[in-house]
Amino acid sequence: MARTLGLEFLPAGGPKRFSYAELKAATKDFSNLIGKGGFGDVYKGVLTDQRVVAVKCLKNVAGGDAEFWAEVTIIARMHHLNLVRLWGFCAEKGQRILVYEYVPNGSLDKYLFQPGRVTPSDSVEETGVLIDDERKPILDWGIRYRIALGVARSIAYLHEECLEWVLHCDIKPENILLGDDFCPKISDFGLAKLKKKEDMVTISRMHGTRGYMAPEWIKADQITPKADVYSFGMVLLELVSGVRNTEIQGSMIESDDWYFPRWAFDKVFKEMNVEDILDRRIKNSYDSRVHFDAVNRMVQTAMWCLQDRPEMRPSMGKVAKMLEGTVDITEPKKPTIFFLSDD
């Protein structure tokens, strides 16, 4: 089968083809589970050359070996500072396994959504993180801004710079890993359905995670890169607030009518009080003279990303420029609750 697929003719410097036995040994019989997701389980392993890797055992993979090989070659050609690097794969004994670089600091959700308060006496260390009473790192405003910018640039790369048009379809904190110096790296890209740029996409099976899915998924409308833009906007608000978008904040609104972006919009643009939506754990370190510009750009950009109609959302390339401050940001319209009728 390998010969008919051309797997033996991998380009020099391309992804390595591992045997199942090699990966079984590297992961100590798949004993160190470090993550579970919609595409499969992830195990930590050590290769014979002592490289530490993350081994993702895919499940429910559609198509045959040829289609899997096609996906692997596409993923392997994607190189960006803010994308997790694919080092190899295994297509043996019915298994579909991808071997990635190991990203040491885990996923963003572990840092954003955790209990613990920061007291006024806490200070920012040189690493840019605070430590709460349970000794968990809490990311400071500078690192949060750099994470937002890095993720935006990597999604723009997937949408606009790859030869193939790649939609991620599941942008969320769990799929944003943090490397050295908390450099963000997107994982699970390329595993959703891939389409050429000249094709417009209608994906029959819904992808994504509740709370991050764009309205067009629910409405069964045409899916374009703007669906990823919406998901990124929700992550942006979570970076600022430190809470899940599905968690109801202090409000008299009934739960069925609750919509995180609308609550944040009212706080920032009606009440003119951005501090009300800031992560309470580092609220005391917020200095409007130092942090206002970056935080304000993050919030305004998020609101544009979260527009109900896809055509109202900016491209990810423009989103990156908005965060950089290289283009002006006009005041956004208030995001609507897409699952309720406006009639």
Protein backbone atom coordinates (compact mmCIF):
# COMPACT_ATOMS: atom_id res chain seq x y z
CA MET A 1 0.00 0.00 0.00
CA ALA A 2 2.83 2.38 0.80
CA ARG A 3 4.22 1.93 -2.68
CA THR A 4 0.92 2.65 -4.40
CA LEU A 5 0.51 5.84 -2.34
CA GLY A 6 4.03 6.99 -2.96
CA LEU A 7 4.68 7.16 0.78
CA GLU A 8 8.19 5.87 0.21
CA PHE A 9 8.96 8.96 -1.87
CA LEU A 10 8.63 11.55 0.87
CA PRO A 11 10.58 14.71 0.02
CA ALA A 12 13.86 15.30 1.83
CA GLY A 13 13.18 17.32 4.96
CA GLY A 14 9.47 16.44 4.82
CA PRO A 15 7.47 14.63 7.48
CA LYS A 16 8.93 11.34 8.60
CA ARG A 17 6.91 8.18 8.21
CA PHE A 18 7.00 6.38 11.58
CA SER A 19 6.12 2.77 12.18
CA TYR A 20 3.47 1.97 14.74
CA ALA A 21 6.09 0.10 16.78
CA GLU A 22 8.29 3.23 16.92
CA LEU A 23 5.47 5.38 18.27
CA LYS A 24 4.34 2.69 20.68
CA ALA A 25 7.87 2.63 22.12
CA ALA A 26 8.18 6.44 22.14
CA THR A 27 4.97 6.84 24.12
CA LYS A 28 5.58 3.83 26.40
CA ASP A 29 2.59 2.02 24.95
CA PHE A 30 0.55 5.24 24.75
CA SER A 31 0.54 5.62 28.52
CA ASN A 32 1.06 9.38 28.98
CA LEU A 33 -2.21 10.98 27.87
CA ILE A 34 -1.85 14.76 27.72
CA GLY A 35 -4.96 15.77 25.80
CA LYS A 36 -8.30 14.68 24.40
CA GLY A 37 -10.17 16.39 21.59
CA GLY A 38 -12.64 16.01 18.80
CA PHE A 39 -10.02 14.62 16.45
CA GLY A 40 -8.47 12.15 18.87
CA ASP A 41 -6.28 11.60 21.91
CA VAL A 42 -2.79 13.06 22.33
CA TYR A 43 0.12 11.35 24.08
CA LYS A 44 3.52 12.65 25.10
CA GLY A 45 6.47 10.70 23.76
CA VAL A 46 10.25 10.76 23.36
CA LEU A 47 11.84 9.72 20.06
CA THR A 48 15.10 7.80 19.81
CA ASP A 49 16.89 11.09 19.05
CA GLN A 50 15.51 12.41 22.38
CA ARG A 51 13.10 14.86 20.79
CA VAL A 52 9.93 15.23 22.84
CA VAL A 53 6.80 14.89 20.73
CA ALA A 54 3.03 15.03 20.94
CA VAL A 55 1.49 11.97 19.28
CA LYS A 56 -2.11 12.46 18.13
CA CYS A 57 -4.05 9.27 17.45
CA LEU A 58 -6.82 10.34 15.10
CA LYS A 59 -10.29 8.86 15.32
CA ASN A 60 -13.15 8.73 12.87
CA VAL A 61 -10.93 9.75 9.98
CA ALA A 62 -12.91 9.93 6.75
CA GLY A 63 -11.51 8.52 3.53
CA GLY A 64 -8.74 6.09 2.79
CA ASP A 65 -4.97 6.09 2.94
CA ALA A 66 -4.61 8.29 -0.12
CA GLU A 67 -6.76 11.04 1.39
CA PHE A 68 -4.92 10.83 4.69
CA TRP A 69 -1.58 11.12 2.87
CA ALA A 70 -2.91 14.14 0.97
CA GLU A 71 -3.84 15.84 4.25
CA VAL A 72 -0.45 15.04 5.76
CA THR A 73 1.42 16.57 2.83
CA ILE A 74 -0.68 19.74 3.04
CA ILE A 75 -0.19 20.11 6.80
CA ALA A 76 3.54 19.45 6.47
CA ARG A 77 3.90 22.35 4.03
CA MET A 78 2.49 24.84 6.53
CA HIS A 79 5.29 26.67 8.30
CA HIS A 80 4.59 29.58 10.61
CA LEU A 81 5.97 30.65 13.98
CA ASN A 82 2.49 30.39 15.45
CA LEU A 83 1.52 26.97 14.09
CA VAL A 84 2.41 23.68 15.79
CA ARG A 85 4.97 21.94 13.58
CA LEU A 86 4.17 18.51 12.12
CA TRP A 87 7.19 16.21 12.27
CA GLY A 88 5.78 12.93 11.04
CA PHE A 89 2.93 10.49 10.70
CA CYS A 90 1.96 6.84 10.83
CA ALA A 91 -0.44 5.06 8.47
CA GLU A 92 -0.19 1.44 9.49
CA LYS A 93 -2.50 -1.30 10.75
CA GLY A 94 -5.52 0.91 10.21
CA GLN A 95 -4.01 3.61 12.45
CA ARG A 96 -3.93 7.30 11.56
CA ILE A 97 -1.38 9.06 13.75
CA LEU A 98 0.27 12.47 13.51
CA VAL A 99 3.51 13.36 15.29
CA TYR A 100 3.89 17.01 16.29
CA GLU A 101 6.44 19.06 18.14
CA TYR A 102 5.71 19.07 21.86
CA VAL A 103 4.62 22.49 23.10
CA PRO A 104 5.66 22.67 26.77
CA ASN A 105 3.27 25.12 28.41
CA GLY A 106 -0.01 23.48 27.45
CA SER A 107 -3.16 25.13 26.15
CA LEU A 108 -4.41 28.67 26.70
CA ASP A 109 -7.60 27.60 28.50
CA LYS A 110 -5.55 26.33 31.45
CA TYR A 111 -4.30 29.88 32.01
CA LEU A 112 -7.46 31.85 31.32
CA PHE A 113 -10.12 29.83 33.11
CA GLN A 114 -8.94 29.05 36.60
CA PRO A 115 -9.93 30.11 40.13
CA GLY A 116 -7.83 32.40 42.25
CA ARG A 117 -7.62 36.09 43.05
CA VAL A 118 -4.67 38.42 42.75
CA THR A 119 -4.10 40.86 45.56
CA PRO A 120 -2.76 44.41 45.11
CA SER A 121 0.56 43.29 46.55
CA ASP A 122 1.15 40.84 43.69
CA SER A 123 3.59 42.05 41.10
CA VAL A 124 4.45 41.18 37.55
CA GLU A 125 7.60 39.12 37.26
CA GLU A 126 10.11 39.41 34.43
CA THR A 127 8.44 36.46 32.73
CA GLY A 128 5.26 38.49 32.32
CA VAL A 129 3.13 36.21 34.46
CA LEU A 130 1.58 36.59 37.86
CA ILE A 131 1.30 33.77 40.35
CA ASP A 132 -1.97 33.27 42.21
CA ASP A 133 -2.52 31.58 45.55
CA GLU A 134 -2.43 28.13 43.92
CA ARG A 135 0.88 28.92 42.20
CA LYS A 136 -0.60 28.87 38.71
CA PRO A 137 0.76 31.33 36.17
CA ILE A 138 -1.57 34.16 35.23
CA LEU A 139 -0.74 35.89 31.96
CA ASP A 140 -0.19 39.64 32.08
CA TRP A 141 -1.66 42.14 29.63
CA GLY A 142 1.44 42.24 27.45
CA ILE A 143 1.50 38.47 26.97
CA ARG A 144 -2.24 38.36 26.28
CA TYR A 145 -1.83 40.97 23.56
CA ARG A 146 1.09 39.06 22.00
CA ILE A 147 -0.96 35.86 22.09
CA ALA A 148 -3.84 37.60 20.32
CA LEU A 149 -1.55 39.02 17.65
CA GLY A 150 0.32 35.75 17.08
CA VAL A 151 -2.90 33.76 16.72
CA ALA A 152 -4.36 36.35 14.34
CA ARG A 153 -1.27 36.22 12.14
CA SER A 154 -1.28 32.43 12.00
CA ILE A 155 -4.95 32.23 11.02
CA ALA A 156 -4.32 34.89 8.37
CA TYR A 157 -1.50 32.68 7.09
CA LEU A 158 -3.86 29.69 6.85
CA HIS A 159 -6.52 31.74 5.07
CA GLU A 160 -4.45 33.94 2.82
CA GLU A 161 -0.90 32.70 2.36
CA CYS A 162 -1.15 28.92 1.97
CA LEU A 163 -1.43 27.45 -1.51
CA GLU A 164 -4.52 25.64 -0.29
CA TRP A 165 -7.34 27.53 1.38
CA VAL A 166 -7.37 26.16 4.92
CA LEU A 167 -10.24 26.69 7.32
CA HIS A 168 -9.53 25.73 10.90
CA CYS A 169 -13.20 25.43 11.95
CA ASP A 170 -12.46 25.07 15.69
CA ILE A 171 -10.58 28.13 16.96
CA LYS A 172 -10.79 28.07 20.77
CA PRO A 173 -8.39 28.37 23.74
CA GLU A 174 -7.95 24.57 23.91
CA ASN A 175 -6.45 24.64 20.40
CA ILE A 176 -4.01 27.45 21.19
CA LEU A 177 -0.86 26.01 22.76
CA LEU A 178 1.77 28.08 24.54
CA GLY A 179 5.43 27.48 23.85
CA ASP A 180 8.59 29.03 25.23
CA ASP A 181 8.02 32.62 26.39
CA PHE A 182 4.30 31.86 25.97
CA CYS A 183 4.55 32.12 22.19
CA PRO A 184 1.14 30.90 20.90
CA LYS A 185 0.87 28.01 18.45
CA ILE A 186 -2.39 26.87 16.87
CA SER A 187 -3.00 23.12 16.86
CA ASP A 188 -5.43 20.92 14.90
CA PHE A 189 -5.19 23.06 11.76
CA GLY A 190 -5.60 21.17 8.50
CA LEU A 191 -7.64 18.42 10.10
CA ALA A 192 -10.96 19.94 9.07
CA LYS A 193 -12.14 19.69 5.48
CA LEU A 194 -9.76 21.41 3.05
CA LYS A 195 -10.87 23.28 -0.03
CA LYS A 196 -9.06 25.10 -2.82
CA LYS A 197 -9.24 28.88 -2.80
CA GLU A 198 -11.45 29.04 -5.87
CA ASP A 199 -14.08 26.86 -4.19
CA MET A 200 -16.71 28.27 -1.87
CA VAL A 201 -17.37 25.90 0.96
CA THR A 202 -20.45 24.15 2.19
CA ILE A 203 -19.49 21.60 4.81
CA SER A 204 -22.20 19.07 5.49
CA ARG A 205 -21.03 18.05 8.97
CA MET A 206 -20.85 20.79 11.57
CA HIS A 207 -17.42 21.50 13.01
CA GLY A 208 -16.56 23.52 16.06
CA THR A 209 -17.36 23.97 19.73
CA ARG A 210 -20.41 25.51 21.36
CA GLY A 211 -19.77 29.13 22.22
CA TYR A 212 -17.25 29.62 19.41
CA MET A 213 -19.30 28.60 16.37
CA ALA A 214 -20.30 31.33 13.92
CA PRO A 215 -24.00 31.86 13.15
CA GLU A 216 -23.63 30.39 9.68
CA TRP A 217 -22.92 26.96 11.17
CA ILE A 218 -26.26 27.03 12.97
CA LYS A 219 -28.11 28.50 10.02
CA ALA A 220 -26.58 25.97 7.61
CA ASP A 221 -25.33 28.86 5.47
CA GLN A 222 -22.26 28.90 3.28
CA ILE A 223 -19.05 28.47 5.29
CA THR A 224 -16.13 30.77 4.47
CA PRO A 225 -12.99 31.92 6.34
CA LYS A 226 -15.24 34.42 8.15
CA ALA A 227 -16.40 31.54 10.37
CA ASP A 228 -12.87 31.36 11.84
CA VAL A 229 -12.91 35.16 12.23
CA TYR A 230 -16.00 34.90 14.45
CA SER A 231 -14.40 32.20 16.63
CA PHE A 232 -11.25 34.29 16.99
CA GLY A 233 -13.34 37.27 18.13
CA MET A 234 -14.78 35.21 20.96
CA VAL A 235 -11.28 34.12 22.01
CA LEU A 236 -10.19 37.78 21.98
CA LEU A 237 -12.91 38.70 24.47
CA GLU A 238 -11.94 35.75 26.66
CA LEU A 239 -8.30 36.90 26.65
CA VAL A 240 -9.44 40.26 28.00
CA SER A 241 -12.02 38.98 30.49
CA GLY A 242 -10.49 35.69 31.67
CA VAL A 243 -13.91 33.98 31.64
CA ARG A 244 -15.70 31.57 29.32
CA ASN A 245 -18.07 33.27 26.91
CA THR A 246 -20.82 30.92 28.11
CA GLU A 247 -20.56 32.07 31.73
CA ILE A 248 -23.19 34.66 32.61
CA GLN A 249 -21.63 37.72 34.24
CA GLY A 250 -23.34 40.10 36.65
CA SER A 251 -26.54 40.90 34.77
CA MET A 252 -30.30 40.90 35.15
CA ILE A 253 -30.74 39.35 31.70
CA GLU A 254 -32.44 35.96 31.52
CA SER A 255 -30.05 33.15 30.60
CA ASP A 256 -31.82 32.48 27.30
CA ASP A 257 -31.15 36.07 26.26
CA TRP A 258 -27.57 36.19 27.52
CA TYR A 259 -24.92 36.91 24.90
CA PHE A 260 -21.35 37.56 26.05
CA PRO A 261 -20.38 39.98 23.23
CA ARG A 262 -23.49 42.10 23.80
CA TRP A 263 -22.72 42.36 27.53
CA ALA A 264 -19.10 43.37 26.77
CA PHE A 265 -20.23 45.87 24.12
CA ASP A 266 -22.59 47.61 26.55
CA LYS A 267 -19.89 47.87 29.21
CA VAL A 268 -17.28 49.30 26.84
CA PHE A 269 -19.25 51.40 24.36
CA LYS A 270 -22.38 52.42 26.30
CA GLU A 271 -21.16 52.67 29.88
CA MET A 272 -17.64 53.59 28.70
CA ASN A 273 -16.11 51.40 31.37
CA VAL A 274 -13.69 48.89 29.88
CA GLU A 275 -12.43 47.98 33.35
CA ASP A 276 -15.71 46.18 34.09
CA ILE A 277 -14.84 43.42 31.61
CA LEU A 278 -11.18 42.96 32.57
CA ASP A 279 -9.91 39.73 34.10
CA ARG A 280 -10.38 40.30 37.83
CA ARG A 281 -7.21 38.37 38.65
CA ILE A 282 -5.00 41.02 37.04
CA LYS A 283 -7.35 43.97 37.14
CA ASN A 284 -5.14 45.61 39.73
CA SER A 285 -2.21 45.60 37.32
CA TYR A 286 -4.19 47.40 34.62
CA ASP A 287 -2.80 50.88 34.02
CA SER A 288 -4.89 52.81 31.52
CA ARG A 289 -1.88 54.91 30.51
CA VAL A 290 0.10 51.79 29.61
CA HIS A 291 -2.48 49.18 28.63
CA PHE A 292 -5.51 51.07 27.32
CA ASP A 293 -4.47 51.21 23.66
CA ALA A 294 -3.77 47.48 23.35
CA VAL A 295 -6.80 46.37 25.36
CA ASN A 296 -9.07 48.79 23.52
CA ARG A 297 -7.83 47.48 20.16
CA MET A 298 -8.47 43.92 21.30
CA VAL A 299 -12.05 44.72 22.37
CA GLN A 300 -12.92 46.78 19.28
CA THR A 301 -11.42 44.17 16.97
CA ALA A 302 -13.35 41.42 18.75
CA MET A 303 -16.62 43.28 18.20
CA TRP A 304 -15.99 43.53 14.47
CA CYS A 305 -15.10 39.83 14.34
CA LEU A 306 -18.36 38.96 16.11
CA GLN A 307 -20.72 40.63 13.68
CA ASP A 308 -23.70 38.42 12.84
CA ARG A 309 -23.29 38.73 9.08
CA PRO A 310 -20.06 37.24 7.68
CA GLU A 311 -19.59 40.04 5.15
CA MET A 312 -19.47 42.57 8.02
CA ARG A 313 -16.48 40.82 9.61
CA PRO A 314 -12.94 41.76 8.55
CA SER A 315 -10.56 39.27 6.98
CA MET A 316 -7.96 37.76 9.32
CA GLY A 317 -5.27 39.74 7.53
CA LYS A 318 -7.08 42.94 8.42
CA VAL A 319 -7.74 41.66 11.95
CA ALA A 320 -3.96 41.34 12.47
CA LYS A 321 -3.46 44.92 11.23
CA MET A 322 -6.23 46.15 13.53
CA LEU A 323 -4.49 44.57 16.51
CA GLU A 324 -1.13 45.95 15.40
CA GLY A 325 -2.61 49.44 15.23
CA THR A 326 -1.56 49.91 11.59
CA VAL A 327 -5.15 50.57 10.43
CA ASP A 328 -7.81 52.71 12.02
CA ILE A 329 -10.69 50.90 13.74
CA THR A 330 -14.11 52.52 13.42
CA GLU A 331 -16.61 52.01 16.20
CA PRO A 332 -18.26 48.63 15.66
CA LYS A 333 -21.94 47.85 15.56
CA LYS A 334 -23.37 45.99 18.53
CA PRO A 335 -23.19 42.20 17.97
CA THR A 336 -26.62 40.60 17.84
CA ILE A 337 -27.83 37.32 19.31
CA PHE A 338 -27.87 35.25 16.18
CA PHE A 339 -29.99 32.41 17.55
CA LEU A 340 -32.92 34.71 18.37
CA SER A 341 -35.17 36.25 15.75
CA ASP A 342 -34.95 40.01 15.28
CA ASP A 343 -38.55 40.10 14.09
